[in-house]
Protein backbone atom coordinates (compact mmCIF):
# COMPACT_ATOMS: atom_id res chain seq x y z
CA UNK A 1 -10.65 5.15 27.35
CA UNK A 2 -11.66 2.91 30.25
CA UNK A 3 -8.88 0.40 30.94
CA UNK A 4 -9.54 -3.22 30.02
CA UNK A 5 -8.61 -5.85 32.57
CA UNK A 6 -6.48 -8.75 31.32
CA UNK A 7 -7.31 -11.94 33.14
CA UNK A 8 -5.43 -14.83 31.64
CA UNK A 9 -3.30 -15.74 28.67
CA UNK A 10 -4.26 -19.38 28.22
CA UNK A 11 -7.69 -20.77 27.59
CA UNK A 12 -8.44 -24.49 27.58
CA UNK A 13 -12.23 -24.43 27.35
CA UNK A 14 -14.82 -23.34 24.79
CA UNK A 15 -17.34 -22.62 27.54
CA UNK A 16 -19.98 -20.20 26.26
CA UNK A 17 -18.87 -20.18 22.59
CA UNK A 18 -19.42 -23.75 21.45
CA UNK A 19 -21.16 -22.66 18.25
CA UNK A 20 -18.84 -19.80 17.30
CA UNK A 21 -18.56 -19.62 13.52
CA UNK A 22 -14.83 -18.90 13.74
CA UNK A 23 -14.30 -22.46 15.07
CA UNK A 24 -16.50 -24.24 12.50
CA UNK A 25 -14.87 -27.33 11.04
CA UNK A 26 -11.71 -27.16 13.16
CA UNK A 27 -10.23 -30.42 14.38
CA UNK A 28 -9.71 -30.86 18.11
CA UNK A 29 -5.98 -30.26 17.72
CA UNK A 30 -6.46 -27.11 15.63
CA UNK A 31 -9.07 -25.83 18.07
CA UNK A 32 -6.70 -26.27 21.01
CA UNK A 33 -3.96 -24.50 19.07
CA UNK A 34 -6.14 -21.50 18.16
CA UNK A 35 -7.48 -21.11 21.69
CA UNK A 36 -4.05 -21.50 23.28
CA UNK A 37 -2.81 -18.48 21.30
CA UNK A 38 -5.59 -16.21 22.62
CA UNK A 39 -5.62 -13.99 25.65
CA UNK A 40 -8.84 -13.54 27.60
CA UNK A 41 -9.97 -10.12 28.77
CA UNK A 42 -12.78 -8.94 30.99
CA UNK A 43 -14.10 -5.41 30.66
CA UNK A 44 -16.73 -3.50 32.66
CA UNK A 45 -19.80 -1.88 31.18
CA UNK A 46 -18.93 1.24 29.19
CA UNK A 47 -15.39 0.19 28.24
CA UNK A 48 -14.07 0.76 24.73
CA UNK A 49 -12.58 -2.38 23.22
CA UNK A 50 -11.33 -0.26 20.34
CA UNK A 51 -11.98 3.13 18.77
CA UNK A 52 -12.92 4.02 15.21
CA UNK A 53 -9.88 4.98 13.15
CA UNK A 54 -7.23 3.53 15.45
CA UNK A 55 -4.80 0.87 14.17
CA UNK A 56 -6.51 -2.52 14.06
CA UNK A 57 -4.01 -4.61 15.97
CA UNK A 58 -6.34 -7.23 17.46
CA UNK A 59 -9.33 -9.39 16.60
CA UNK A 60 -11.94 -10.28 19.24
CA UNK A 61 -14.37 -13.12 19.89
CA UNK A 62 -17.10 -12.22 22.38
CA UNK A 63 -17.63 -14.96 24.96
CA UNK A 64 -20.21 -13.23 27.16
CA UNK A 65 -22.04 -9.91 27.41
CA UNK A 66 -23.02 -7.52 24.63
CA UNK A 67 -20.99 -5.00 22.63
CA UNK A 68 -22.25 -2.02 20.68
CA UNK A 69 -20.53 -1.15 17.39
CA UNK A 70 -21.06 2.45 16.26
CA UNK A 71 -19.62 4.62 13.52
CA UNK A 72 -19.20 8.39 13.35
CA UNK A 73 -20.19 9.61 9.90
CA UNK A 74 -18.48 12.39 7.95
CA UNK A 75 -21.22 14.73 9.18
CA UNK A 76 -20.43 13.92 12.82
CA UNK A 77 -23.50 11.79 13.43
CA UNK A 78 -23.20 8.56 15.44
CA UNK A 79 -24.64 5.58 13.59
CA UNK A 80 -25.32 2.29 15.33
CA UNK A 81 -23.77 -0.43 13.17
CA UNK A 82 -24.92 -3.52 15.08
CA UNK A 83 -24.89 -5.28 18.44
CA UNK A 84 -22.38 -8.08 18.93
CA UNK A 85 -23.65 -11.17 20.71
CA UNK A 86 -21.68 -14.02 22.37
CA UNK A 87 -19.97 -16.26 19.81
CA UNK A 88 -19.55 -13.44 17.28
CA UNK A 89 -16.31 -11.92 16.03
CA UNK A 90 -15.63 -8.19 16.12
CA UNK A 91 -12.67 -6.15 15.00
CA UNK A 92 -12.09 -8.54 12.10
CA UNK A 93 -9.95 -5.87 10.40
CA UNK A 94 -7.36 -6.84 12.98
CA UNK A 95 -6.57 -9.80 10.73
CA UNK A 96 -5.13 -7.37 8.14
CA UNK A 97 -1.76 -5.78 8.82
CA UNK A 98 -1.90 -1.98 8.66
CA UNK A 99 -5.71 -1.74 8.71
CA UNK A 100 -7.78 0.60 10.90
CA UNK A 101 -10.97 -0.16 12.80
CA UNK A 102 -13.99 1.11 10.90
CA UNK A 103 -16.16 1.52 14.00
CA UNK A 104 -15.91 1.89 17.76
CA UNK A 105 -16.75 -1.01 20.07
CA UNK A 106 -18.08 -0.30 23.57
CA UNK A 107 -19.34 -2.84 26.09
CA UNK A 108 -23.05 -2.55 26.88
CA UNK A 109 -22.60 -4.94 29.81
CA UNK A 110 -19.69 -6.58 31.56
CA UNK A 111 -17.99 -8.56 28.81
CA UNK A 112 -15.42 -11.30 28.40
CA UNK A 113 -13.54 -11.72 25.12
CA UNK A 114 -10.94 -13.92 23.46
CA UNK A 115 -8.31 -11.75 21.77
CA UNK A 116 -5.70 -12.51 19.11
CA UNK A 117 -3.14 -9.95 17.92
CA UNK A 118 -2.62 -9.34 14.20
CA UNK A 119 0.71 -11.16 14.33
CA UNK A 120 -0.76 -14.20 16.07
CA UNK A 121 -3.70 -14.37 13.67
CA UNK A 122 -1.37 -14.13 10.66
CA UNK A 123 0.58 -17.11 11.96
CA UNK A 124 -2.58 -19.10 12.72
CA UNK A 125 -4.01 -18.48 9.26
CA UNK A 126 -0.96 -20.21 7.79
CA UNK A 127 -1.10 -23.08 10.26
CA UNK A 128 -4.87 -23.63 10.20
CA UNK A 129 -6.31 -23.09 6.68
CA UNK A 130 -9.86 -23.71 7.90
CA UNK A 131 -9.53 -20.72 10.21
CA UNK A 132 -8.78 -18.52 7.20
CA UNK A 133 -11.89 -19.84 5.42
CA UNK A 134 -14.02 -19.19 8.50
CA UNK A 135 -12.79 -15.61 8.91
CA UNK A 136 -13.37 -14.90 5.22
CA UNK A 137 -16.94 -16.24 5.46
CA UNK A 138 -17.59 -14.18 8.61
CA UNK A 139 -16.30 -11.01 6.95
CA UNK A 140 -18.47 -11.65 3.89
CA UNK A 141 -21.56 -12.06 6.09
CA UNK A 142 -20.84 -8.79 7.89
CA UNK A 143 -20.37 -6.99 4.57
CA UNK A 144 -23.65 -8.41 3.27
CA UNK A 145 -25.44 -7.38 6.47
CA UNK A 146 -24.03 -3.83 6.18
CA UNK A 147 -25.00 -3.48 2.50
CA UNK A 148 -28.52 -4.69 3.12
CA UNK A 149 -28.96 -2.44 6.13
CA UNK A 150 -27.71 0.66 4.34
CA UNK A 151 -29.99 -0.13 1.42
CA UNK A 152 -32.90 -0.49 3.82
CA UNK A 153 -32.12 2.81 5.55
CA UNK A 154 -31.93 4.58 2.19
CA UNK A 155 -35.09 3.18 0.60
CA UNK A 156 -37.55 1.78 3.16
CA UNK A 157 -40.23 3.53 5.19
CA UNK A 158 -39.76 4.13 8.90
CA UNK A 159 -42.32 1.43 9.72
CA UNK A 160 -40.50 -1.11 7.56
CA UNK A 161 -37.14 -0.19 9.13
CA UNK A 162 -38.60 -0.57 12.63
CA UNK A 163 -40.03 -3.99 11.75
CA UNK A 164 -36.61 -5.04 10.43
CA UNK A 165 -34.78 -3.69 13.51
CA UNK A 166 -37.13 -5.53 15.86
CA UNK A 167 -36.64 -8.76 13.92
CA UNK A 168 -32.88 -8.23 13.97
CA UNK A 169 -32.82 -7.77 17.74
CA UNK A 170 -35.14 -10.75 18.27
CA UNK A 171 -32.94 -12.95 16.09
CA UNK A 172 -29.69 -11.82 17.69
CA UNK A 173 -30.49 -11.34 21.36
CA UNK A 174 -34.05 -12.51 21.94
CA UNK A 175 -34.84 -15.74 23.72
CA UNK A 176 -37.76 -18.05 22.94
CA UNK A 177 -40.59 -18.78 25.30
CA UNK A 178 -43.32 -21.01 23.92
CA UNK A 179 -44.57 -19.50 20.67
CA UNK A 180 -43.01 -16.12 21.42
CA UNK A 181 -39.63 -14.39 21.37
CA UNK A 182 -38.73 -12.07 24.23
CA UNK A 183 -36.45 -9.10 23.62
CA UNK A 184 -35.19 -7.33 26.72
CA UNK A 185 -32.95 -4.38 27.41
CA UNK A 186 -33.00 -1.28 29.54
CA UNK A 187 -33.33 0.85 26.39
CA UNK A 188 -34.80 -1.62 23.90
CA UNK A 189 -36.99 1.04 22.21
CA UNK A 190 -33.93 3.28 21.85
CA UNK A 191 -31.98 0.34 20.40
CA UNK A 192 -34.70 -0.20 17.79
CA UNK A 193 -34.75 3.51 16.99
CA UNK A 194 -30.97 3.58 16.52
CA UNK A 195 -30.95 0.51 14.29
CA UNK A 196 -33.84 1.88 12.23
CA UNK A 197 -32.43 5.44 12.11
CA UNK A 198 -35.63 6.97 13.46
CA UNK A 199 -37.00 8.42 16.71
CA UNK A 200 -38.15 6.67 19.86
CA UNK A 201 -41.51 8.42 19.40
CA UNK A 202 -41.95 6.77 15.99
CA UNK A 203 -40.87 3.40 17.39
CA UNK A 204 -43.42 3.61 20.22
CA UNK A 205 -46.16 4.60 17.76
CA UNK A 206 -45.44 1.63 15.48
CA UNK A 207 -45.11 -0.81 18.39
CA UNK A 208 -48.41 0.40 19.82
CA UNK A 209 -50.05 -0.35 16.48
CA UNK A 210 -48.51 -3.83 16.46
CA UNK A 211 -49.75 -4.38 19.99
CA UNK A 212 -53.30 -3.42 19.01
CA UNK A 213 -53.06 -5.97 16.18
CA UNK A 214 -51.94 -8.71 18.57
CA UNK A 215 -48.44 -9.10 17.09
CA UNK A 216 -46.60 -8.30 20.31
CA UNK A 217 -46.81 -6.83 23.80
CA UNK A 218 -44.60 -4.14 25.21
CA UNK A 219 -43.48 -3.13 28.67
CA UNK A 220 -40.62 -0.96 29.78
CA UNK A 221 -37.44 -2.80 28.84
CA UNK A 222 -39.30 -5.82 27.42
CA UNK A 223 -40.99 -6.71 24.13
CA UNK A 224 -42.71 -10.06 23.58
CA UNK A 225 -43.09 -10.91 19.88
CA UNK A 226 -45.63 -13.65 19.10
CA UNK A 227 -44.63 -16.15 16.45
CA UNK A 228 -41.14 -16.06 14.95
CA UNK A 229 -39.78 -12.80 13.52
CA UNK A 230 -38.02 -13.51 10.24
CA UNK A 231 -35.54 -11.62 8.13
CA UNK A 232 -34.65 -12.30 4.54
CA UNK A 233 -32.46 -10.05 2.41
CA UNK A 234 -33.29 -6.96 4.38
CA UNK A 235 -37.00 -7.76 4.59
CA UNK A 236 -38.68 -8.70 7.80
CA UNK A 237 -41.97 -10.13 8.89
CA UNK A 238 -43.78 -10.35 12.18
CA UNK A 239 -45.88 -13.46 12.30
CA UNK A 240 -49.56 -12.98 13.18
CA UNK A 241 -50.38 -13.69 16.78
CA UNK A 242 -52.12 -16.90 17.73
CA UNK A 243 -54.03 -14.95 20.33
CA UNK A 244 -56.67 -12.36 19.41
CA UNK A 245 -55.99 -8.67 20.02
CA UNK A 246 -57.46 -7.19 23.14
CA UNK A 247 -60.78 -5.46 22.71
CA UNK A 248 -60.96 -1.86 23.74
CA UNK A 249 -63.32 -1.14 26.59
CA UNK A 250 -66.31 1.00 25.69
């Protein structure tokens, strides 16, 4: 395991995580209390924040960077669970004494996290009831996401899974530009393939078809989706482009 650098033990600012769901509805005093009990850690790209199956002794809030959660199945296959974006909680099993992490978390970039130990979280849940409600709601959303994704992987076609994975990435890590959403990443096609449980070849074939239809454009490490990709209960839609598809030269 790559060592994680501890930087400070006291945080007095919410810089970068203003909209974190874990802080929803907290008073200013409760917010200061929760943050003051956290340590802040910086980790380089490729560092494991925790491993699947190890005791869940901490809960994390990602302030910056991106983290990949993956699970090793009983058959030894690595399954991408999801990408964690700034403002999201990971390792929520750390709020339960005696639990184990159900997946491994590795930093895809340099990351900075707020960290609370199981003991600290247990104390805070008693002192700040709203925090307990927030963590419960977050856990329920993650469980719903996992159920819907597994259902999709088990029942949907590869093209439908790819459309869902692209919409999921666009929603989570894309950034808007005009009437489009831009999804970037050194291995964005591989990310889509992993989320959709298919091959990069199939992803490129489907994306090429979407590009011919004017739904998006692709370049290495960059996908521009026109309109707003939407997801609803495991279903996804790519909005038609406002610009006509390019005509093939004859």
